[in-house]
Amino acid sequence: MLKPLLGLTLKLRKFIIPLLVMSMTVAVDAYAREQILLFGAISTTNAITAIAKDFSELNICSLSPVFAASSTLARQIAVGAPADIFLSANESWMDWLDEKAKLERGSRVDMLGNHLVMIVPTDSKENLELTENLIVKLGDSRIAIADPDHVPAGIYAKAALENLGLWQSLSPRLARMQNVRTALAVVERRGADAGIVYASDAAASKRVRVASVIDANLHPPIHYPIAIIAGRATDDVLACYEQLLSPTSAAIFESHGFSAR
């Protein structure tokens, strides 16, 4: 009687042990694939997507990005959106979250820089610049920009136009978009003959070219601060955050038109 039972036990072990190992592997894989949610300014879409792919391939972390205007993302974080990390296209919206105690203390860093450019469709022969004769050159066309009331790229563009004394005359000719990537898309589709976007946005498109670079002294410095959201500084989030600040990530950002700080 004992031998049959012993034989059965050995057979069961052949099935049970592999199942236990498989269960442990699944558990480890599930842990390794834990999503780190990054809320990123939409102008960082291409760079962050490339970085997230690298992180996944190197098994550093599983970075899951959500892109929108910095203002939209900051408001969502303020009301409890489950972001782990926030990368803003300007300091004001990060300041706003800091005032609401939504940032992990000591985690805020100015990570990137950028600059504004005027773009036109690739085959356009116009070399437009922000000068007094811009309206004459535009004819009946419009300039696509991000909404200057709350989107960082639009706020910077408005500051440049105001400092040149062109805001009042050009304001009726502006096509105000919900974010800077929409402004880029409008020029790509020829919904506007020109646009003001970040250099990184222009670098992301083959359907537009840079007509002129806007003097950085005409608007506040363009800084992209990054921070961990309060209460989200787990070991996994910290590891991902540190990799975002690494020289390897800096090189990817620079290849997409940003300046690493």
C-alpha atoms as a PDB file:
ATOM      1  CA  MET A   1       0.000   0.000   0.000  1.00  0.00           C
ATOM      2  CA  LEU A   2       2.873   2.307   0.851  1.00  0.00           C
ATOM      3  CA  LYS A   3       4.584   1.922  -2.555  1.00  0.00           C
ATOM      4  CA  PRO A   4       1.558   3.034  -4.621  1.00  0.00           C
ATOM      5  CA  LEU A   5       1.105   6.072  -2.352  1.00  0.00           C
ATOM      6  CA  LEU A   6       4.780   6.924  -2.653  1.00  0.00           C
ATOM      7  CA  GLY A   7       4.573   6.606  -6.441  1.00  0.00           C
ATOM      8  CA  LEU A   8       1.543   8.886  -6.541  1.00  0.00           C
ATOM      9  CA  THR A   9       3.307  11.427  -4.352  1.00  0.00           C
ATOM     10  CA  LEU A  10       6.317  11.487  -6.664  1.00  0.00           C
ATOM     11  CA  LYS A  11       4.076  11.940  -9.701  1.00  0.00           C
ATOM     12  CA  LEU A  12       2.242  14.807  -8.006  1.00  0.00           C
ATOM     13  CA  ARG A  13       5.546  16.465  -7.148  1.00  0.00           C
ATOM     14  CA  LYS A  14       6.436  16.460 -10.848  1.00  0.00           C
ATOM     15  CA  PHE A  15       3.363  18.595 -11.523  1.00  0.00           C
ATOM     16  CA  ILE A  16       3.173  20.657  -8.323  1.00  0.00           C
ATOM     17  CA  ILE A  17       6.778  21.913  -8.243  1.00  0.00           C
ATOM     18  CA  PRO A  18       6.703  23.293 -11.830  1.00  0.00           C
ATOM     19  CA  LEU A  19       3.358  24.937 -11.052  1.00  0.00           C
ATOM     20  CA  LEU A  20       4.807  26.576  -7.951  1.00  0.00           C
ATOM     21  CA  VAL A  21       7.840  27.778  -9.909  1.00  0.00           C
ATOM     22  CA  MET A  22       5.557  29.097 -12.668  1.00  0.00           C
ATOM     23  CA  SER A  23       3.397  30.921 -10.086  1.00  0.00           C
ATOM     24  CA  MET A  24       6.468  32.508  -8.521  1.00  0.00           C
ATOM     25  CA  THR A  25       7.726  33.573 -11.975  1.00  0.00           C
ATOM     26  CA  VAL A  26       4.375  35.144 -12.826  1.00  0.00           C
ATOM     27  CA  ALA A  27       4.419  37.004  -9.512  1.00  0.00           C
ATOM     28  CA  VAL A  28       7.958  38.314 -10.152  1.00  0.00           C
ATOM     29  CA  ASP A  29       7.037  39.314 -13.724  1.00  0.00           C
ATOM     30  CA  ALA A  30       3.941  41.116 -12.497  1.00  0.00           C
ATOM     31  CA  TYR A  31       6.072  43.005  -9.972  1.00  0.00           C
ATOM     32  CA  ALA A  32       8.646  43.860 -12.626  1.00  0.00           C
ATOM     33  CA  ARG A  33       5.894  45.194 -14.869  1.00  0.00           C
ATOM     34  CA  GLU A  34       4.441  47.496 -12.198  1.00  0.00           C
ATOM     35  CA  GLN A  35       3.469  50.670 -14.017  1.00  0.00           C
ATOM     36  CA  ILE A  36       5.155  53.951 -13.069  1.00  0.00           C
ATOM     37  CA  LEU A  37       2.750  56.637 -14.233  1.00  0.00           C
ATOM     38  CA  LEU A  38       4.437  59.745 -15.609  1.00  0.00           C
ATOM     39  CA  PHE A  39       2.368  62.825 -16.450  1.00  0.00           C
ATOM     40  CA  GLY A  40       4.431  64.625 -19.090  1.00  0.00           C
ATOM     41  CA  ALA A  41       4.075  67.886 -21.002  1.00  0.00           C
ATOM     42  CA  ILE A  42       2.880  67.006 -24.494  1.00  0.00           C
ATOM     43  CA  SER A  43       6.004  68.522 -26.058  1.00  0.00           C
ATOM     44  CA  THR A  44       8.002  65.669 -24.479  1.00  0.00           C
ATOM     45  CA  THR A  45       5.941  62.953 -26.208  1.00  0.00           C
ATOM     46  CA  ASN A  46       8.556  61.642 -28.646  1.00  0.00           C
ATOM     47  CA  ALA A  47      11.471  61.792 -26.214  1.00  0.00           C
ATOM     48  CA  ILE A  48       9.634  60.189 -23.293  1.00  0.00           C
ATOM     49  CA  THR A  49       8.177  57.483 -25.551  1.00  0.00           C
ATOM     50  CA  ALA A  50      11.710  56.587 -26.695  1.00  0.00           C
ATOM     51  CA  ILE A  51      12.992  56.619 -23.107  1.00  0.00           C
ATOM     52  CA  ALA A  52      10.110  54.436 -21.892  1.00  0.00           C
ATOM     53  CA  LYS A  53      10.940  51.916 -24.626  1.00  0.00           C
ATOM     54  CA  ASP A  54      14.586  51.859 -23.505  1.00  0.00           C
ATOM     55  CA  PHE A  55      13.592  51.399 -19.864  1.00  0.00           C
ATOM     56  CA  SER A  56      11.373  48.466 -20.790  1.00  0.00           C
ATOM     57  CA  GLU A  57      14.006  46.766 -22.962  1.00  0.00           C
ATOM     58  CA  LEU A  58      16.666  47.168 -20.262  1.00  0.00           C
ATOM     59  CA  ASN A  59      14.211  46.059 -17.556  1.00  0.00           C
ATOM     60  CA  ILE A  60      14.862  49.271 -15.603  1.00  0.00           C
ATOM     61  CA  CYS A  61      11.219  50.063 -14.960  1.00  0.00           C
ATOM     62  CA  SER A  62       7.866  50.060 -16.692  1.00  0.00           C
ATOM     63  CA  LEU A  63       7.240  53.730 -17.441  1.00  0.00           C
ATOM     64  CA  SER A  64       3.678  54.500 -18.530  1.00  0.00           C
ATOM     65  CA  PRO A  65       3.389  58.089 -19.815  1.00  0.00           C
ATOM     66  CA  VAL A  66       0.296  60.288 -20.107  1.00  0.00           C
ATOM     67  CA  PHE A  67       0.724  63.401 -22.271  1.00  0.00           C
ATOM     68  CA  ALA A  68      -1.262  66.648 -22.292  1.00  0.00           C
ATOM     69  CA  ALA A  69      -0.748  70.362 -21.702  1.00  0.00           C
ATOM     70  CA  SER A  70       1.077  70.979 -18.404  1.00  0.00           C
ATOM     71  CA  SER A  71      -1.891  72.981 -17.134  1.00  0.00           C
ATOM     72  CA  THR A  72      -4.283  70.079 -17.760  1.00  0.00           C
ATOM     73  CA  LEU A  73      -1.988  67.560 -16.086  1.00  0.00           C
ATOM     74  CA  ALA A  74      -1.327  69.781 -13.060  1.00  0.00           C
ATOM     75  CA  ARG A  75      -5.050  70.268 -12.496  1.00  0.00           C
ATOM     76  CA  GLN A  76      -5.627  66.518 -12.719  1.00  0.00           C
ATOM     77  CA  ILE A  77      -2.872  65.843 -10.186  1.00  0.00           C
ATOM     78  CA  ALA A  78      -4.330  68.475  -7.857  1.00  0.00           C
ATOM     79  CA  VAL A  79      -7.660  66.620  -7.715  1.00  0.00           C
ATOM     80  CA  GLY A  80      -6.089  63.220  -7.113  1.00  0.00           C
ATOM     81  CA  ALA A  81      -5.027  61.713 -10.456  1.00  0.00           C
ATOM     82  CA  PRO A  82      -2.691  58.782  -9.626  1.00  0.00           C
ATOM     83  CA  ALA A  83       0.463  60.198 -11.217  1.00  0.00           C
ATOM     84  CA  ASP A  84       3.819  59.117  -9.776  1.00  0.00           C
ATOM     85  CA  ILE A  85       6.004  61.675 -11.567  1.00  0.00           C
ATOM     86  CA  PHE A  86       5.211  65.033 -13.199  1.00  0.00           C
ATOM     87  CA  LEU A  87       7.298  66.639 -15.966  1.00  0.00           C
ATOM     88  CA  SER A  88       6.050  70.154 -16.672  1.00  0.00           C
ATOM     89  CA  ALA A  89       6.861  72.458 -19.597  1.00  0.00           C
ATOM     90  CA  ASN A  90       7.154  75.447 -17.292  1.00  0.00           C
ATOM     91  CA  GLU A  91       7.800  76.310 -13.663  1.00  0.00           C
ATOM     92  CA  SER A  92       4.486  78.035 -12.903  1.00  0.00           C
ATOM     93  CA  TRP A  93       2.357  74.878 -12.920  1.00  0.00           C
ATOM     94  CA  MET A  94       4.960  73.049 -10.840  1.00  0.00           C
ATOM     95  CA  ASP A  95       4.948  76.000  -8.407  1.00  0.00           C
ATOM     96  CA  TRP A  96       1.159  75.742  -8.257  1.00  0.00           C
ATOM     97  CA  LEU A  97       1.312  72.070  -7.271  1.00  0.00           C
ATOM     98  CA  ASP A  98       4.087  72.790  -4.776  1.00  0.00           C
ATOM     99  CA  GLU A  99       1.889  75.382  -3.085  1.00  0.00           C
ATOM    100  CA  LYS A 100      -0.771  72.705  -2.715  1.00  0.00           C
ATOM    101  CA  ALA A 101       1.775  70.323  -1.110  1.00  0.00           C
ATOM    102  CA  LYS A 102       1.408  67.874  -4.012  1.00  0.00           C
ATOM    103  CA  LEU A 103       5.154  67.344  -4.589  1.00  0.00           C
ATOM    104  CA  GLU A 104       7.521  65.037  -2.736  1.00  0.00           C
ATOM    105  CA  ARG A 105       9.885  67.295  -0.810  1.00  0.00           C
ATOM    106  CA  GLY A 106      13.355  67.568  -2.360  1.00  0.00           C
ATOM    107  CA  SER A 107      12.435  65.816  -5.618  1.00  0.00           C
ATOM    108  CA  ARG A 108      11.920  68.869  -7.817  1.00  0.00           C
ATOM    109  CA  VAL A 109      14.673  69.440 -10.401  1.00  0.00           C
ATOM    110  CA  ASP A 110      14.888  71.653 -13.506  1.00  0.00           C
ATOM    111  CA  MET A 111      15.645  68.870 -15.982  1.00  0.00           C
ATOM    112  CA  LEU A 112      15.348  70.310 -19.509  1.00  0.00           C
ATOM    113  CA  GLY A 113      15.460  73.463 -21.550  1.00  0.00           C
ATOM    114  CA  ASN A 114      13.877  74.368 -24.894  1.00  0.00           C
ATOM    115  CA  HIS A 115      13.366  77.341 -27.180  1.00  0.00           C
ATOM    116  CA  LEU A 116      10.650  78.733 -29.415  1.00  0.00           C
ATOM    117  CA  VAL A 117      10.702  78.690 -33.194  1.00  0.00           C
ATOM    118  CA  MET A 118       8.414  79.837 -35.950  1.00  0.00           C
ATOM    119  CA  ILE A 119       7.485  77.018 -38.314  1.00  0.00           C
ATOM    120  CA  VAL A 120       6.009  76.825 -41.816  1.00  0.00           C
ATOM    121  CA  PRO A 121       5.097  73.835 -44.003  1.00  0.00           C
ATOM    122  CA  THR A 122       8.198  72.142 -45.422  1.00  0.00           C
ATOM    123  CA  ASP A 123       7.609  73.332 -49.001  1.00  0.00           C
ATOM    124  CA  SER A 124       6.782  76.912 -48.008  1.00  0.00           C
ATOM    125  CA  LYS A 125       9.131  79.506 -49.444  1.00  0.00           C
ATOM    126  CA  GLU A 126       8.335  82.048 -46.723  1.00  0.00           C
ATOM    127  CA  ASN A 127      11.073  82.875 -44.198  1.00  0.00           C
ATOM    128  CA  LEU A 128       8.839  84.420 -41.576  1.00  0.00           C
ATOM    129  CA  GLU A 129      10.182  86.265 -38.551  1.00  0.00           C
ATOM    130  CA  LEU A 130       8.541  88.118 -35.681  1.00  0.00           C
ATOM    131  CA  THR A 131       8.853  91.584 -37.181  1.00  0.00           C
ATOM    132  CA  GLU A 132       6.471  94.437 -37.950  1.00  0.00           C
ATOM    133  CA  ASN A 133       5.981  93.296 -41.557  1.00  0.00           C
ATOM    134  CA  LEU A 134       4.859  89.817 -40.483  1.00  0.00           C
ATOM    135  CA  ILE A 135       1.178  90.708 -40.963  1.00  0.00           C
ATOM    136  CA  VAL A 136       1.874  91.827 -44.526  1.00  0.00           C
ATOM    137  CA  LYS A 137       3.725  88.604 -45.283  1.00  0.00           C
ATOM    138  CA  LEU A 138       0.957  86.491 -43.744  1.00  0.00           C
ATOM    139  CA  GLY A 139      -1.745  87.942 -45.978  1.00  0.00           C
ATOM    140  CA  ASP A 140      -5.026  86.302 -44.962  1.00  0.00           C
ATOM    141  CA  SER A 141      -3.372  83.451 -43.096  1.00  0.00           C
ATOM    142  CA  ARG A 142      -3.096  82.800 -39.383  1.00  0.00           C
ATOM    143  CA  ILE A 143      -0.434  81.725 -36.881  1.00  0.00           C
ATOM    144  CA  ALA A 144      -1.138  78.600 -34.836  1.00  0.00           C
ATOM    145  CA  ILE A 145      -0.032  78.753 -31.198  1.00  0.00           C
ATOM    146  CA  ALA A 146      -0.888  76.934 -27.983  1.00  0.00           C
ATOM    147  CA  ASP A 147      -3.521  78.699 -25.897  1.00  0.00           C
ATOM    148  CA  PRO A 148      -1.679  81.678 -24.332  1.00  0.00           C
ATOM    149  CA  ASP A 149      -4.108  81.834 -21.409  1.00  0.00           C
ATOM    150  CA  HIS A 150      -2.809  78.668 -19.735  1.00  0.00           C
ATOM    151  CA  VAL A 151      -0.530  76.502 -21.947  1.00  0.00           C
ATOM    152  CA  PRO A 152       3.218  77.138 -21.393  1.00  0.00           C
ATOM    153  CA  ALA A 153       4.209  77.290 -25.094  1.00  0.00           C
ATOM    154  CA  GLY A 154       1.454  79.838 -25.719  1.00  0.00           C
ATOM    155  CA  ILE A 155       2.404  81.846 -22.631  1.00  0.00           C
ATOM    156  CA  TYR A 156       6.005  82.089 -23.837  1.00  0.00           C
ATOM    157  CA  ALA A 157       4.842  83.031 -27.350  1.00  0.00           C
ATOM    158  CA  LYS A 158       2.588  85.767 -25.987  1.00  0.00           C
ATOM    159  CA  ALA A 159       5.454  87.179 -23.899  1.00  0.00           C
ATOM    160  CA  ALA A 160       7.683  87.351 -26.991  1.00  0.00           C
ATOM    161  CA  LEU A 161       4.996  89.089 -29.031  1.00  0.00           C
ATOM    162  CA  GLU A 162       4.288  91.566 -26.218  1.00  0.00           C
ATOM    163  CA  ASN A 163       7.970  92.405 -25.836  1.00  0.00           C
ATOM    164  CA  LEU A 164       8.152  93.096 -29.571  1.00  0.00           C
ATOM    165  CA  GLY A 165       5.025  95.250 -29.451  1.00  0.00           C
ATOM    166  CA  LEU A 166       3.205  92.864 -31.815  1.00  0.00           C
ATOM    167  CA  TRP A 167       0.635  91.281 -29.513  1.00  0.00           C
ATOM    168  CA  GLN A 168      -2.215  93.720 -30.193  1.00  0.00           C
ATOM    169  CA  SER A 169      -1.850  93.622 -33.969  1.00  0.00           C
ATOM    170  CA  LEU A 170      -1.297  89.858 -34.258  1.00  0.00           C
ATOM    171  CA  SER A 171      -3.730  88.648 -31.596  1.00  0.00           C
ATOM    172  CA  PRO A 172      -6.749  88.528 -33.979  1.00  0.00           C
ATOM    173  CA  ARG A 173      -4.674  86.456 -36.407  1.00  0.00           C
ATOM    174  CA  LEU A 174      -3.771  83.735 -33.918  1.00  0.00           C
ATOM    175  CA  ALA A 175      -5.291  80.255 -34.062  1.00  0.00           C
ATOM    176  CA  ARG A 176      -5.289  79.253 -30.393  1.00  0.00           C
ATOM    177  CA  MET A 177      -4.913  75.508 -29.898  1.00  0.00           C
ATOM    178  CA  GLN A 178      -5.437  73.370 -26.800  1.00  0.00           C
ATOM    179  CA  ASN A 179      -1.744  72.386 -26.704  1.00  0.00           C
ATOM    180  CA  VAL A 180       1.481  72.873 -28.637  1.00  0.00           C
ATOM    181  CA  ARG A 181       1.250  69.561 -30.527  1.00  0.00           C
ATOM    182  CA  THR A 182      -2.152  70.577 -31.863  1.00  0.00           C
ATOM    183  CA  ALA A 183      -0.611  73.847 -33.062  1.00  0.00           C
ATOM    184  CA  LEU A 184       2.064  71.802 -34.832  1.00  0.00           C
ATOM    185  CA  ALA A 185      -0.568  69.542 -36.415  1.00  0.00           C
ATOM    186  CA  VAL A 186      -2.522  72.545 -37.730  1.00  0.00           C
ATOM    187  CA  VAL A 187       0.547  73.769 -39.625  1.00  0.00           C
ATOM    188  CA  GLU A 188       1.272  70.237 -40.854  1.00  0.00           C
ATOM    189  CA  ARG A 189      -2.264  70.057 -42.277  1.00  0.00           C
ATOM    190  CA  ARG A 190      -1.999  73.616 -43.677  1.00  0.00           C
ATOM    191  CA  GLY A 191      -4.768  74.882 -41.454  1.00  0.00           C
ATOM    192  CA  ALA A 192      -2.378  77.765 -40.796  1.00  0.00           C
ATOM    193  CA  ASP A 193       0.585  78.981 -42.835  1.00  0.00           C
ATOM    194  CA  ALA A 194       2.768  79.403 -39.758  1.00  0.00           C
ATOM    195  CA  GLY A 195       3.016  78.415 -36.127  1.00  0.00           C
ATOM    196  CA  ILE A 196       4.993  79.115 -32.965  1.00  0.00           C
ATOM    197  CA  VAL A 197       6.100  75.910 -31.235  1.00  0.00           C
ATOM    198  CA  TYR A 198       9.059  74.491 -29.361  1.00  0.00           C
ATOM    199  CA  ALA A 199      12.189  73.494 -31.262  1.00  0.00           C
ATOM    200  CA  SER A 200      11.595  69.940 -30.032  1.00  0.00           C
ATOM    201  CA  ASP A 201       8.166  69.916 -31.717  1.00  0.00           C
ATOM    202  CA  ALA A 202       9.634  71.105 -35.010  1.00  0.00           C
ATOM    203  CA  ALA A 203      12.278  68.375 -34.763  1.00  0.00           C
ATOM    204  CA  ALA A 204       9.548  65.759 -34.373  1.00  0.00           C
ATOM    205  CA  SER A 205       7.901  66.551 -37.708  1.00  0.00           C
ATOM    206  CA  LYS A 206       9.005  66.056 -41.313  1.00  0.00           C
ATOM    207  CA  ARG A 207       6.116  68.173 -42.602  1.00  0.00           C
ATOM    208  CA  VAL A 208       7.288  71.503 -41.189  1.00  0.00           C
ATOM    209  CA  ARG A 209      10.541  73.418 -41.177  1.00  0.00           C
ATOM    210  CA  VAL A 210      11.930  76.139 -38.944  1.00  0.00           C
ATOM    211  CA  ALA A 211      11.465  79.545 -40.577  1.00  0.00           C
ATOM    212  CA  SER A 212      13.146  81.447 -37.742  1.00  0.00           C
ATOM    213  CA  VAL A 213      14.320  81.036 -34.165  1.00  0.00           C
ATOM    214  CA  ILE A 214      12.685  83.341 -31.613  1.00  0.00           C
ATOM    215  CA  ASP A 215      15.125  85.271 -29.419  1.00  0.00           C
ATOM    216  CA  ALA A 216      15.168  83.613 -25.988  1.00  0.00           C
ATOM    217  CA  ASN A 217      15.534  87.037 -24.331  1.00  0.00           C
ATOM    218  CA  LEU A 218      11.987  87.912 -25.440  1.00  0.00           C
ATOM    219  CA  HIS A 219      10.310  85.526 -22.996  1.00  0.00           C
ATOM    220  CA  PRO A 220      10.989  83.901 -19.608  1.00  0.00           C
ATOM    221  CA  PRO A 221      13.526  81.045 -19.671  1.00  0.00           C
ATOM    222  CA  ILE A 222      11.964  77.769 -20.792  1.00  0.00           C
ATOM    223  CA  HIS A 223      12.618  75.238 -18.054  1.00  0.00           C
ATOM    224  CA  TYR A 224      11.080  71.788 -17.701  1.00  0.00           C
ATOM    225  CA  PRO A 225      10.970  70.852 -14.010  1.00  0.00           C
ATOM    226  CA  ILE A 226      10.376  67.269 -12.904  1.00  0.00           C
ATOM    227  CA  ALA A 227       9.174  66.073  -9.501  1.00  0.00           C
ATOM    228  CA  ILE A 228       7.784  63.022  -7.737  1.00  0.00           C
ATOM    229  CA  ILE A 229       4.206  63.409  -6.542  1.00  0.00           C
ATOM    230  CA  ALA A 230       3.770  63.520  -2.757  1.00  0.00           C
ATOM    231  CA  GLY A 231       3.331  60.081  -1.238  1.00  0.00           C
ATOM    232  CA  ARG A 232       4.440  58.230  -4.390  1.00  0.00           C
ATOM    233  CA  ALA A 233       8.179  57.900  -3.667  1.00  0.00           C
ATOM    234  CA  THR A 234       8.380  54.102  -3.606  1.00  0.00           C
ATOM    235  CA  ASP A 235      11.629  52.325  -4.435  1.00  0.00           C
ATOM    236  CA  ASP A 236      10.363  51.619  -7.965  1.00  0.00           C
ATOM    237  CA  VAL A 237       9.341  55.228  -8.564  1.00  0.00           C
ATOM    238  CA  LEU A 238      12.675  56.502  -7.227  1.00  0.00           C
ATOM    239  CA  ALA A 239      14.585  54.125  -9.500  1.00  0.00           C
ATOM    240  CA  CYS A 240      12.629  55.302 -12.543  1.00  0.00           C
ATOM    241  CA  TYR A 241      12.977  58.963 -11.550  1.00  0.00           C
ATOM    242  CA  GLU A 242      16.752  58.632 -11.155  1.00  0.00           C
ATOM    243  CA  GLN A 243      17.030  57.012 -14.589  1.00  0.00           C
ATOM    244  CA  LEU A 244      15.105  59.893 -16.125  1.00  0.00           C
ATOM    245  CA  LEU A 245      17.810  62.185 -14.732  1.00  0.00           C
ATOM    246  CA  SER A 246      20.647  59.985 -16.009  1.00  0.00           C
ATOM    247  CA  PRO A 247      23.135  60.939 -18.776  1.00  0.00           C
ATOM    248  CA  THR A 248      21.609  58.221 -20.980  1.00  0.00           C
ATOM    249  CA  SER A 249      18.173  59.833 -20.798  1.00  0.00           C
ATOM    250  CA  ALA A 250      19.733  63.295 -21.259  1.00  0.00           C
ATOM    251  CA  ALA A 251      21.245  62.125 -24.553  1.00  0.00           C
ATOM    252  CA  ILE A 252      17.824  60.957 -25.771  1.00  0.00           C
ATOM    253  CA  PHE A 253      16.226  64.266 -24.819  1.00  0.00           C
ATOM    254  CA  GLU A 254      18.954  66.156 -26.656  1.00  0.00           C
ATOM    255  CA  SER A 255      18.436  64.029 -29.759  1.00  0.00           C
ATOM    256  CA  HIS A 256      14.804  65.213 -29.739  1.00  0.00           C
ATOM    257  CA  GLY A 257      15.661  68.906 -29.649  1.00  0.00           C
ATOM    258  CA  PHE A 258      15.825  69.621 -25.902  1.00  0.00           C
ATOM    259  CA  SER A 259      18.770  70.900 -23.953  1.00  0.00           C
ATOM    260  CA  ALA A 260      19.580  68.819 -20.871  1.00  0.00           C
ATOM    261  CA  ARG A 261      20.313  70.805 -17.738  1.00  0.00           C
END
